[in-house]
């Protein structure tokens, strides 16, 4: 049961991160340098998310 709670917390924090990334990406679309950096961070987020999902399944 405790393990499930931890998984839910991880998923929630990843979801919040994705929301922030989407906001950042929308706000920095005109700035190429920040935009590229954001894309790189978002890619890491996706990899982390898949890794966490793989661990929990």
PDB file of N, CA and C in Angstrom:
ATOM      1  N   UNK A   1       0.837  -1.205   0.000  1.00  0.00           N
ATOM      2  CA  UNK A   1       0.000   0.000   0.000  1.00  0.00           C
ATOM      3  C   UNK A   1       0.875   1.260   0.000  1.00  0.00           C
ATOM      4  N   UNK A   2       1.904   1.230   0.841  1.00  0.00           N
ATOM      5  CA  UNK A   2       2.818   2.370   0.905  1.00  0.00           C
ATOM      6  C   UNK A   2       3.532   2.588  -0.429  1.00  0.00           C
ATOM      7  N   UNK A   3       3.858   1.474  -1.098  1.00  0.00           N
ATOM      8  CA  UNK A   3       4.517   1.537  -2.395  1.00  0.00           C
ATOM      9  C   UNK A   3       3.633   2.236  -3.425  1.00  0.00           C
ATOM     10  N   UNK A   4       2.342   1.940  -3.374  1.00  0.00           N
ATOM     11  CA  UNK A   4       1.388   2.555  -4.298  1.00  0.00           C
ATOM     12  C   UNK A   4       1.339   4.066  -4.086  1.00  0.00           C
ATOM     13  N   UNK A   5       1.354   4.482  -2.844  1.00  0.00           N
ATOM     14  CA  UNK A   5       1.329   5.906  -2.510  1.00  0.00           C
ATOM     15  C   UNK A   5       2.546   6.610  -3.100  1.00  0.00           C
ATOM     16  N   UNK A   6       3.715   5.986  -2.952  1.00  0.00           N
ATOM     17  CA  UNK A   6       4.940   6.561  -3.490  1.00  0.00           C
ATOM     18  C   UNK A   6       4.849   6.693  -5.013  1.00  0.00           C
ATOM     19  N   UNK A   7       4.341   5.677  -5.676  1.00  0.00           N
ATOM     20  CA  UNK A   7       4.186   5.702  -7.129  1.00  0.00           C
ATOM     21  C   UNK A   7       3.270   6.839  -7.552  1.00  0.00           C
ATOM     22  N   UNK A   8       2.179   7.014  -6.816  1.00  0.00           N
ATOM     23  CA  UNK A   8       1.221   8.080  -7.123  1.00  0.00           C
ATOM     24  C   UNK A   8       1.870   9.444  -6.946  1.00  0.00           C
ATOM     25  N   UNK A   9       2.652   9.603  -5.897  1.00  0.00           N
ATOM     26  CA  UNK A   9       3.357  10.868  -5.664  1.00  0.00           C
ATOM     27  C   UNK A   9       4.340  11.153  -6.785  1.00  0.00           C
ATOM     28  N   UNK A  10       5.078  10.125  -7.212  1.00  0.00           N
ATOM     29  CA  UNK A  10       6.027  10.288  -8.319  1.00  0.00           C
ATOM     30  C   UNK A  10       5.286  10.719  -9.574  1.00  0.00           C
ATOM     31  N   UNK A  11       4.200  10.033  -9.871  1.00  0.00           N
ATOM     32  CA  UNK A  11       3.423  10.326 -11.069  1.00  0.00           C
ATOM     33  C   UNK A  11       2.891  11.753 -11.019  1.00  0.00           C
ATOM     34  N   UNK A  12       2.405  12.163  -9.831  1.00  0.00           N
ATOM     35  CA  UNK A  12       1.879  13.520  -9.661  1.00  0.00           C
ATOM     36  C   UNK A  12       2.956  14.556  -9.919  1.00  0.00           C
ATOM     37  N   UNK A  13       4.133  14.343  -9.355  1.00  0.00           N
ATOM     38  CA  UNK A  13       5.215  15.318  -9.524  1.00  0.00           C
ATOM     39  C   UNK A  13       5.657  15.372 -10.987  1.00  0.00           C
ATOM     40  N   UNK A  14       5.689  14.219 -11.665  1.00  0.00           N
ATOM     41  CA  UNK A  14       6.040  14.201 -13.086  1.00  0.00           C
ATOM     42  C   UNK A  14       4.983  14.946 -13.899  1.00  0.00           C
ATOM     43  N   UNK A  15       3.705  14.737 -13.548  1.00  0.00           N
ATOM     44  CA  UNK A  15       2.610  15.419 -14.238  1.00  0.00           C
ATOM     45  C   UNK A  15       2.723  16.923 -14.069  1.00  0.00           C
ATOM     46  N   UNK A  16       3.032  17.369 -12.853  1.00  0.00           N
ATOM     47  CA  UNK A  16       3.212  18.799 -12.587  1.00  0.00           C
ATOM     48  C   UNK A  16       4.380  19.331 -13.408  1.00  0.00           C
ATOM     49  N   UNK A  17       5.478  18.553 -13.465  1.00  0.00           N
ATOM     50  CA  UNK A  17       6.642  18.944 -14.266  1.00  0.00           C
ATOM     51  C   UNK A  17       6.255  19.122 -15.733  1.00  0.00           C
ATOM     52  N   UNK A  18       5.467  18.179 -16.253  1.00  0.00           N
ATOM     53  CA  UNK A  18       5.027  18.272 -17.654  1.00  0.00           C
ATOM     54  C   UNK A  18       4.211  19.541 -17.870  1.00  0.00           C
ATOM     55  N   UNK A  19       3.345  19.862 -16.906  1.00  0.00           N
ATOM     56  CA  UNK A  19       2.537  21.083 -16.986  1.00  0.00           C
ATOM     57  C   UNK A  19       3.413  22.325 -17.032  1.00  0.00           C
ATOM     58  N   UNK A  20       4.425  22.350 -16.175  1.00  0.00           N
ATOM     59  CA  UNK A  20       5.361  23.472 -16.154  1.00  0.00           C
ATOM     60  C   UNK A  20       6.120  23.575 -17.464  1.00  0.00           C
ATOM     61  N   UNK A  21       6.556  22.418 -17.983  1.00  0.00           N
ATOM     62  CA  UNK A  21       7.288  22.395 -19.249  1.00  0.00           C
ATOM     63  C   UNK A  21       6.434  22.970 -20.379  1.00  0.00           C
ATOM     64  N   UNK A  22       5.165  22.582 -20.390  1.00  0.00           N
ATOM     65  CA  UNK A  22       4.260  23.071 -21.429  1.00  0.00           C
ATOM     66  C   UNK A  22       4.120  24.588 -21.332  1.00  0.00           C
ATOM     67  N   UNK A  23       3.995  25.100 -20.110  1.00  0.00           N
ATOM     68  CA  UNK A  23       3.894  26.551 -19.900  1.00  0.00           C
ATOM     69  C   UNK A  23       5.163  27.258 -20.343  1.00  0.00           C
ATOM     70  N   UNK A  24       6.306  26.720 -19.914  1.00  0.00           N
ATOM     71  CA  UNK A  24       7.595  27.320 -20.269  1.00  0.00           C
ATOM     72  C   UNK A  24       7.759  27.337 -21.788  1.00  0.00           C
ATOM     73  N   UNK A  25       7.423  26.213 -22.433  1.00  0.00           N
ATOM     74  CA  UNK A  25       7.600  26.095 -23.875  1.00  0.00           C
ATOM     75  C   UNK A  25       6.737  27.130 -24.592  1.00  0.00           C
ATOM     76  N   UNK A  26       5.507  27.310 -24.090  1.00  0.00           N
ATOM     77  CA  UNK A  26       4.592  28.261 -24.721  1.00  0.00           C
ATOM     78  C   UNK A  26       5.112  29.694 -24.572  1.00  0.00           C
ATOM     79  N   UNK A  27       5.675  29.990 -23.395  1.00  0.00           N
ATOM     80  CA  UNK A  27       6.132  31.347 -23.109  1.00  0.00           C
ATOM     81  C   UNK A  27       7.476  31.693 -23.739  1.00  0.00           C
ATOM     82  N   UNK A  28       8.236  30.682 -24.126  1.00  0.00           N
ATOM     83  CA  UNK A  28       9.579  30.956 -24.648  1.00  0.00           C
ATOM     84  C   UNK A  28       9.706  30.576 -26.113  1.00  0.00           C
ATOM     85  N   UNK A  29       8.596  30.422 -26.789  1.00  0.00           N
ATOM     86  CA  UNK A  29       8.651  29.990 -28.189  1.00  0.00           C
ATOM     87  C   UNK A  29       9.432  30.981 -29.051  1.00  0.00           C
ATOM     88  N   UNK A  30       9.403  32.272 -28.689  1.00  0.00           N
ATOM     89  CA  UNK A  30      10.102  33.282 -29.485  1.00  0.00           C
ATOM     90  C   UNK A  30      11.601  33.274 -29.213  1.00  0.00           C
ATOM     91  N   UNK A  31      12.013  32.727 -28.066  1.00  0.00           N
ATOM     92  CA  UNK A  31      13.430  32.719 -27.714  1.00  0.00           C
ATOM     93  C   UNK A  31      14.032  31.358 -28.045  1.00  0.00           C
ATOM     94  N   UNK A  32      14.834  31.319 -29.102  1.00  0.00           N
ATOM     95  CA  UNK A  32      15.367  30.046 -29.614  1.00  0.00           C
ATOM     96  C   UNK A  32      16.240  29.328 -28.589  1.00  0.00           C
ATOM     97  N   UNK A  33      17.106  30.078 -27.910  1.00  0.00           N
ATOM     98  CA  UNK A  33      18.060  29.454 -26.988  1.00  0.00           C
ATOM     99  C   UNK A  33      17.305  28.794 -25.835  1.00  0.00           C
ATOM    100  N   UNK A  34      16.405  29.541 -25.193  1.00  0.00           N
ATOM    101  CA  UNK A  34      15.631  28.990 -24.080  1.00  0.00           C
ATOM    102  C   UNK A  34      14.734  27.864 -24.590  1.00  0.00           C
ATOM    103  N   UNK A  35      14.163  28.047 -25.766  1.00  0.00           N
ATOM    104  CA  UNK A  35      13.301  27.037 -26.362  1.00  0.00           C
ATOM    105  C   UNK A  35      14.026  25.709 -26.547  1.00  0.00           C
ATOM    106  N   UNK A  36      15.253  25.775 -27.069  1.00  0.00           N
ATOM    107  CA  UNK A  36      16.045  24.559 -27.268  1.00  0.00           C
ATOM    108  C   UNK A  36      16.386  23.901 -25.943  1.00  0.00           C
ATOM    109  N   UNK A  37      16.738  24.711 -24.953  1.00  0.00           N
ATOM    110  CA  UNK A  37      17.080  24.177 -23.642  1.00  0.00           C
ATOM    111  C   UNK A  37      15.849  23.511 -23.028  1.00  0.00           C
ATOM    112  N   UNK A  38      14.699  24.155 -23.189  1.00  0.00           N
ATOM    113  CA  UNK A  38      13.450  23.608 -22.654  1.00  0.00           C
ATOM    114  C   UNK A  38      13.139  22.265 -23.302  1.00  0.00           C
ATOM    115  N   UNK A  39      13.346  22.197 -24.614  1.00  0.00           N
ATOM    116  CA  UNK A  39      13.069  20.961 -25.337  1.00  0.00           C
ATOM    117  C   UNK A  39      13.963  19.836 -24.805  1.00  0.00           C
ATOM    118  N   UNK A  40      15.229  20.165 -24.530  1.00  0.00           N
ATOM    119  CA  UNK A  40      16.163  19.182 -24.010  1.00  0.00           C
ATOM    120  C   UNK A  40      15.698  18.692 -22.633  1.00  0.00           C
ATOM    121  N   UNK A  41      15.300  19.616 -21.767  1.00  0.00           N
ATOM    122  CA  UNK A  41      14.811  19.252 -20.435  1.00  0.00           C
ATOM    123  C   UNK A  41      13.555  18.395 -20.560  1.00  0.00           C
ATOM    124  N   UNK A  42      12.644  18.784 -21.447  1.00  0.00           N
ATOM    125  CA  UNK A  42      11.395  18.052 -21.634  1.00  0.00           C
ATOM    126  C   UNK A  42      11.682  16.617 -22.086  1.00  0.00           C
ATOM    127  N   UNK A  43      12.684  16.457 -22.930  1.00  0.00           N
ATOM    128  CA  UNK A  43      13.076  15.131 -23.400  1.00  0.00           C
ATOM    129  C   UNK A  43      13.539  14.263 -22.233  1.00  0.00           C
ATOM    130  N   UNK A  44      14.313  14.854 -21.327  1.00  0.00           N
ATOM    131  CA  UNK A  44      14.761  14.142 -20.128  1.00  0.00           C
ATOM    132  C   UNK A  44      13.551  13.763 -19.275  1.00  0.00           C
ATOM    133  N   UNK A  45      12.591  14.677 -19.170  1.00  0.00           N
ATOM    134  CA  UNK A  45      11.364  14.410 -18.418  1.00  0.00           C
ATOM    135  C   UNK A  45      10.640  13.194 -18.986  1.00  0.00           C
ATOM    136  N   UNK A  46      10.540  13.118 -20.301  1.00  0.00           N
ATOM    137  CA  UNK A  46       9.865  11.996 -20.959  1.00  0.00           C
ATOM    138  C   UNK A  46      10.581  10.689 -20.629  1.00  0.00           C
ATOM    139  N   UNK A  47      11.899  10.707 -20.713  1.00  0.00           N
ATOM    140  CA  UNK A  47      12.687   9.511 -20.412  1.00  0.00           C
ATOM    141  C   UNK A  47      12.496   9.087 -18.963  1.00  0.00           C
ATOM    142  N   UNK A  48      12.494  10.066 -18.038  1.00  0.00           N
ATOM    143  CA  UNK A  48      12.291   9.773 -16.627  1.00  0.00           C
ATOM    144  C   UNK A  48      10.909   9.175 -16.404  1.00  0.00           C
ATOM    145  N   UNK A  49       9.911   9.764 -17.049  1.00  0.00           N
ATOM    146  CA  UNK A  49       8.536   9.307 -16.916  1.00  0.00           C
ATOM    147  C   UNK A  49       8.408   7.853 -17.368  1.00  0.00           C
ATOM    148  N   UNK A  50       8.993   7.544 -18.503  1.00  0.00           N
ATOM    149  CA  UNK A  50       8.948   6.171 -19.023  1.00  0.00           C
ATOM    150  C   UNK A  50       9.684   5.216 -18.085  1.00  0.00           C
ATOM    151  N   UNK A  51      10.778   5.680 -17.520  1.00  0.00           N
ATOM    152  CA  UNK A  51      11.559   4.874 -16.586  1.00  0.00           C
ATOM    153  C   UNK A  51      10.740   4.579 -15.330  1.00  0.00           C
ATOM    154  N   UNK A  52      10.089   5.594 -14.787  1.00  0.00           N
ATOM    155  CA  UNK A  52       9.256   5.428 -13.586  1.00  0.00           C
ATOM    156  C   UNK A  52       8.081   4.501 -13.894  1.00  0.00           C
ATOM    157  N   UNK A  53       7.475   4.706 -15.061  1.00  0.00           N
ATOM    158  CA  UNK A  53       6.355   3.843 -15.459  1.00  0.00           C
ATOM    159  C   UNK A  53       6.807   2.391 -15.576  1.00  0.00           C
ATOM    160  N   UNK A  54       7.971   2.185 -16.165  1.00  0.00           N
ATOM    161  CA  UNK A  54       8.524   0.842 -16.319  1.00  0.00           C
ATOM    162  C   UNK A  54       8.801   0.188 -14.974  1.00  0.00           C
ATOM    163  N   UNK A  55       9.296   0.975 -14.019  1.00  0.00           N
ATOM    164  CA  UNK A  55       9.595   0.452 -12.691  1.00  0.00           C
ATOM    165  C   UNK A  55       8.320   0.042 -11.953  1.00  0.00           C
ATOM    166  N   UNK A  56       7.242   0.809 -12.184  1.00  0.00           N
ATOM    167  CA  UNK A  56       5.998   0.576 -11.450  1.00  0.00           C
ATOM    168  C   UNK A  56       5.135  -0.523 -12.045  1.00  0.00           C
ATOM    169  N   UNK A  57       5.377  -0.864 -13.313  1.00  0.00           N
ATOM    170  CA  UNK A  57       4.512  -1.867 -13.957  1.00  0.00           C
ATOM    171  C   UNK A  57       4.990  -3.283 -13.661  1.00  0.00           C
TER     172      UNK A  57
END
